Amino acid sequence: MFKITPKNVEKMIINYSPNFDLKKRQKNKIKYLIYHYTGMKNDKSAIKRLTSHSSNVSCHYYITKSGKLIRMVPDLYIAWHAGKSMWKNNKFINYNSIGIEISNPGHEHGYRKFSHKQIKSLIKISKLLMKKYKINKKNILGHSDIAPLRKIDPGEKFPWKFLNKKKIGIWHDINLKMLKTLKGKKSELNLHKFVTYLKNLGYNMKYSNSYELRKIIKIFQMRFRPELINGKLDLECYKIAKSLYNIKK
């Protein structure tokens, strides 16, 4: 496997995609890391799509099924990975982010767990990028976080809790035994406060109806309560959101 170090990541040119903005951005414009799954059956078809002129999609880094790291767009160029998206006051997150695609067939083709080798590569490249561009752990996001009404990747099998232990991304600090007692309970719920908590985290909470609200709740559950994804607000989800709201750094 390619050894990931600051020096050889800069030198790595393996499979460039033609799909990026020609104008370079300043280093300080990079604020986010966005994780995606490919949603395609295999590496060959995913790489073909990400490097095809006609697809209009790309990423900065690609992690294969075996954990190999491929560089597709240099960091200072804007890759086309996020599409219509928003986090906090930033719209069109492509402009401020580095996109990492991870090989996985996704929900349409037999969604599976991400392998140990894939996550090992992801941790290494993420830590390097976080250090190089001073990316806050709160700005490590999934595609679904920045486009909750359109996207569901990287999905409920993505190991956010494990990554948080490696200081990548955020996770709540509520005792698991206590959380279990809250599952399904409706007492003390305040929808307005829940929406405020998610909005403070960065989610775009402009929903038009109850269906869209349920969709956003499902996305939140996929990331922070993956064992039960039903789109229903209960006391467990509420307390998790409140805990995340209180994270300072």
Protein backbone atom coordinates (compact mmCIF):
# COMPACT_ATOMS: atom_id res chain seq x y z
CA MET A 1 0.00 0.00 0.00
CA PHE A 2 1.12 3.56 -0.71
CA LYS A 3 2.67 5.00 2.45
CA ILE A 4 0.89 8.22 3.41
CA THR A 5 3.27 10.95 4.58
CA PRO A 6 3.16 14.74 4.09
CA LYS A 7 6.01 14.53 1.59
CA ASN A 8 4.74 11.80 -0.71
CA VAL A 9 1.10 12.93 -0.62
CA GLU A 10 2.28 16.14 -2.25
CA LYS A 11 4.11 14.15 -4.92
CA MET A 12 1.32 11.67 -5.54
CA ILE A 13 -0.12 11.94 -9.04
CA ILE A 14 -1.88 8.73 -9.90
CA ASN A 15 -5.15 9.40 -11.70
CA TYR A 16 -6.13 13.01 -12.28
CA SER A 17 -9.72 13.94 -12.98
CA PRO A 18 -10.47 16.70 -15.53
CA ASN A 19 -13.42 17.87 -13.44
CA PHE A 20 -12.28 20.82 -11.36
CA ASP A 21 -12.24 24.63 -11.45
CA LEU A 22 -9.16 25.96 -13.20
CA LYS A 23 -8.70 28.85 -10.80
CA LYS A 24 -6.68 28.02 -7.69
CA ARG A 25 -7.98 28.91 -4.26
CA GLN A 26 -6.05 30.22 -1.28
CA LYS A 27 -4.94 27.73 1.33
CA ASN A 28 -6.98 29.47 4.04
CA LYS A 29 -10.20 28.91 2.07
CA ILE A 30 -10.12 25.20 2.90
CA LYS A 31 -12.31 24.69 5.99
CA TYR A 32 -13.97 21.30 5.55
CA LEU A 33 -13.29 17.64 4.88
CA ILE A 34 -16.24 15.91 3.22
CA TYR A 35 -16.55 12.12 3.18
CA HIS A 36 -18.52 10.28 0.49
CA TYR A 37 -19.11 6.72 -0.56
CA THR A 38 -18.98 6.02 -4.30
CA GLY A 39 -22.31 4.20 -4.51
CA MET A 40 -20.95 2.10 -7.37
CA LYS A 41 -20.37 -1.63 -7.70
CA ASN A 42 -16.58 -1.57 -7.96
CA ASP A 43 -13.47 0.58 -8.15
CA LYS A 44 -13.24 0.39 -11.92
CA SER A 45 -16.67 1.89 -12.55
CA ALA A 46 -16.25 4.51 -9.80
CA ILE A 47 -12.85 5.68 -11.05
CA LYS A 48 -14.13 5.77 -14.62
CA ARG A 49 -16.99 8.05 -13.58
CA LEU A 50 -14.81 10.31 -11.45
CA THR A 51 -12.34 10.81 -14.29
CA SER A 52 -14.83 11.13 -17.16
CA HIS A 53 -15.32 14.53 -18.82
CA SER A 54 -19.04 13.88 -19.22
CA SER A 55 -19.78 13.03 -15.56
CA ASN A 56 -19.00 16.48 -14.11
CA VAL A 57 -18.02 14.90 -10.79
CA SER A 58 -14.69 14.36 -9.06
CA CYS A 59 -12.94 14.32 -5.71
CA HIS A 60 -9.54 15.19 -4.31
CA TYR A 61 -8.77 11.74 -2.92
CA TYR A 62 -10.16 8.30 -3.62
CA ILE A 63 -9.78 5.28 -1.33
CA THR A 64 -10.12 1.95 -3.11
CA LYS A 65 -11.75 -1.20 -1.78
CA SER A 66 -8.31 -2.44 -0.69
CA GLY A 67 -7.43 0.85 1.04
CA LYS A 68 -5.16 2.25 -1.65
CA LEU A 69 -5.12 6.06 -1.85
CA ILE A 70 -5.50 7.75 -5.22
CA ARG A 71 -5.10 11.48 -5.76
CA MET A 72 -7.49 12.89 -8.35
CA VAL A 73 -7.48 16.68 -7.88
CA PRO A 74 -4.76 18.77 -6.16
CA ASP A 75 -5.89 20.31 -2.88
CA LEU A 76 -5.85 23.93 -4.02
CA TYR A 77 -8.20 23.30 -6.93
CA ILE A 78 -11.94 23.03 -6.41
CA ALA A 79 -13.18 19.49 -7.11
CA TRP A 80 -16.81 18.83 -7.99
CA HIS A 81 -17.93 16.51 -5.21
CA ALA A 82 -20.47 18.27 -2.99
CA GLY A 83 -22.99 19.71 -5.46
CA LYS A 84 -25.76 21.90 -4.06
CA SER A 85 -24.85 21.98 -0.38
CA MET A 86 -24.74 24.10 2.74
CA TRP A 87 -23.18 24.09 6.19
CA LYS A 88 -23.70 27.01 8.54
CA ASN A 89 -23.36 30.11 6.36
CA ASN A 90 -21.29 28.43 3.68
CA LYS A 91 -23.17 27.54 0.50
CA PHE A 92 -21.78 25.33 -2.27
CA ILE A 93 -19.27 23.59 -0.03
CA ASN A 94 -17.02 22.66 -2.98
CA TYR A 95 -15.40 26.08 -2.63
CA ASN A 96 -14.25 25.48 0.94
CA SER A 97 -13.66 21.75 1.13
CA ILE A 98 -11.59 18.73 0.25
CA GLY A 99 -13.64 15.75 -0.90
CA ILE A 100 -12.70 12.15 -0.15
CA GLU A 101 -14.52 9.32 -1.93
CA ILE A 102 -14.42 5.87 -0.36
CA SER A 103 -15.20 2.79 -2.41
CA ASN A 104 -18.48 1.27 -1.27
CA PRO A 105 -21.43 0.03 -3.37
CA GLY A 106 -23.81 2.10 -1.27
CA HIS A 107 -27.43 1.50 -0.40
CA GLU A 108 -28.46 0.74 -3.99
CA HIS A 109 -25.88 -1.97 -4.66
CA GLY A 110 -25.38 -3.86 -1.39
CA TYR A 111 -24.14 -1.37 1.18
CA ARG A 112 -21.42 -2.85 3.37
CA LYS A 113 -19.10 -1.95 6.20
CA PHE A 114 -16.00 0.02 5.35
CA SER A 115 -12.90 -2.13 5.67
CA HIS A 116 -10.15 -1.72 8.23
CA LYS A 117 -7.66 -0.84 5.47
CA GLN A 118 -9.98 1.82 4.07
CA ILE A 119 -10.46 3.46 7.45
CA LYS A 120 -6.75 3.26 8.22
CA SER A 121 -5.98 5.18 5.01
CA LEU A 122 -8.79 7.62 5.72
CA ILE A 123 -7.43 8.39 9.18
CA LYS A 124 -3.93 9.02 7.88
CA ILE A 125 -4.92 11.35 5.04
CA SER A 126 -7.50 13.13 7.21
CA LYS A 127 -5.01 13.90 9.97
CA LEU A 128 -2.51 15.24 7.47
CA LEU A 129 -5.11 17.48 5.85
CA MET A 130 -6.49 18.66 9.19
CA LYS A 131 -3.02 19.70 10.30
CA LYS A 132 -2.01 21.26 6.98
CA TYR A 133 -5.18 23.36 6.58
CA LYS A 134 -6.05 23.79 10.27
CA ILE A 135 -9.42 22.10 9.83
CA ASN A 136 -11.53 22.00 12.99
CA LYS A 137 -12.82 18.55 13.93
CA LYS A 138 -16.36 20.01 13.87
CA ASN A 139 -15.88 20.58 10.14
CA ILE A 140 -15.33 16.92 9.29
CA LEU A 141 -18.61 16.03 7.59
CA GLY A 142 -20.44 13.52 5.47
CA HIS A 143 -22.07 14.34 2.15
CA SER A 144 -25.43 13.77 3.82
CA ASP A 145 -24.68 16.42 6.47
CA ILE A 146 -24.27 19.16 3.89
CA ALA A 147 -27.11 17.98 1.62
CA PRO A 148 -29.57 16.13 3.89
CA LEU A 149 -32.52 16.29 1.50
CA ARG A 150 -30.47 14.85 -1.39
CA LYS A 151 -27.81 12.52 -0.05
CA ILE A 152 -27.44 9.66 2.42
CA ASP A 153 -23.72 8.86 2.11
CA PRO A 154 -21.49 7.79 3.74
CA GLY A 155 -24.38 6.15 5.62
CA GLU A 156 -25.04 4.46 8.93
CA LYS A 157 -22.14 1.98 8.64
CA PHE A 158 -19.54 4.73 8.49
CA PRO A 159 -17.54 4.62 11.76
CA TRP A 160 -17.97 8.19 13.06
CA LYS A 161 -17.65 7.14 16.69
CA PHE A 162 -14.35 5.34 16.03
CA LEU A 163 -13.01 8.29 14.04
CA ASN A 164 -13.87 10.62 16.91
CA LYS A 165 -11.64 8.50 19.17
CA LYS A 166 -8.86 9.30 16.69
CA LYS A 167 -9.70 13.02 17.05
CA ILE A 168 -11.47 13.18 13.69
CA GLY A 169 -15.01 14.52 13.69
CA ILE A 170 -17.33 14.96 16.65
CA TRP A 171 -19.39 12.60 18.79
CA HIS A 172 -21.64 13.01 21.81
CA ASP A 173 -20.46 12.32 25.35
CA ILE A 174 -23.64 10.81 26.81
CA ASN A 175 -23.41 7.57 28.79
CA LEU A 176 -24.67 4.66 26.67
CA LYS A 177 -26.66 3.09 29.49
CA MET A 178 -28.51 6.35 30.01
CA LEU A 179 -29.14 6.71 26.27
CA LYS A 180 -30.85 3.32 26.11
CA THR A 181 -33.40 4.46 28.67
CA LEU A 182 -34.32 7.44 26.47
CA LYS A 183 -34.93 5.58 23.21
CA GLY A 184 -38.50 6.00 21.99
CA LYS A 185 -39.55 8.33 24.80
CA LYS A 186 -41.44 11.48 23.87
CA SER A 187 -41.63 13.36 27.18
CA GLU A 188 -39.73 16.66 27.57
CA LEU A 189 -39.30 17.00 23.81
CA ASN A 190 -38.98 20.47 22.33
CA LEU A 191 -38.92 20.43 18.53
CA HIS A 192 -37.97 24.10 18.31
CA LYS A 193 -34.91 23.56 20.50
CA PHE A 194 -33.95 20.40 18.59
CA VAL A 195 -34.05 22.33 15.31
CA THR A 196 -31.97 25.08 16.95
CA TYR A 197 -29.38 22.54 18.11
CA LEU A 198 -29.02 21.10 14.60
CA LYS A 199 -28.92 24.55 13.02
CA ASN A 200 -26.17 25.56 15.45
CA LEU A 201 -24.16 22.50 14.46
CA GLY A 202 -24.42 23.61 10.84
CA TYR A 203 -27.34 21.71 9.31
CA ASN A 204 -29.55 23.56 6.85
CA MET A 205 -32.90 23.39 8.65
CA LYS A 206 -34.99 25.02 5.93
CA TYR A 207 -37.55 22.26 5.49
CA SER A 208 -40.93 22.72 3.80
CA ASN A 209 -42.99 19.96 5.38
CA SER A 210 -42.97 17.08 7.88
CA TYR A 211 -41.58 14.69 5.25
CA GLU A 212 -38.47 16.83 4.80
CA LEU A 213 -38.05 17.21 8.56
CA ARG A 214 -38.19 13.42 8.97
CA LYS A 215 -35.54 13.12 6.26
CA ILE A 216 -33.21 15.49 8.11
CA ILE A 217 -33.80 13.60 11.37
CA LYS A 218 -32.91 10.35 9.56
CA ILE A 219 -29.64 11.88 8.36
CA PHE A 220 -28.86 12.99 11.92
CA GLN A 221 -29.65 9.47 13.17
CA MET A 222 -27.48 7.85 10.49
CA ARG A 223 -24.52 9.74 11.87
CA PHE A 224 -25.17 9.95 15.60
CA ARG A 225 -27.70 7.17 16.36
CA PRO A 226 -27.15 4.58 13.59
CA GLU A 227 -28.71 1.63 15.43
CA LEU A 228 -32.22 3.07 14.91
CA ILE A 229 -33.00 5.19 11.85
CA ASN A 230 -36.70 5.93 11.74
CA GLY A 231 -36.94 9.68 11.23
CA LYS A 232 -38.81 10.07 14.50
CA LEU A 233 -37.64 12.50 17.13
CA ASP A 234 -37.36 10.90 20.56
CA LEU A 235 -35.66 11.89 23.80
CA GLU A 236 -32.49 9.99 22.87
CA CYS A 237 -32.02 12.02 19.66
CA TYR A 238 -32.90 15.21 21.50
CA LYS A 239 -30.29 14.64 24.21
CA ILE A 240 -27.64 13.71 21.65
CA ALA A 241 -28.32 16.93 19.72
CA LYS A 242 -28.14 18.95 22.93
CA SER A 243 -24.82 17.32 23.87
CA LEU A 244 -23.35 18.14 20.44
CA TYR A 245 -24.67 21.70 20.72
CA ASN A 246 -22.58 22.12 23.86
CA ILE A 247 -19.29 21.03 22.27
CA LYS A 248 -17.00 24.05 22.43
CA LYS A 249 -14.03 23.05 20.30
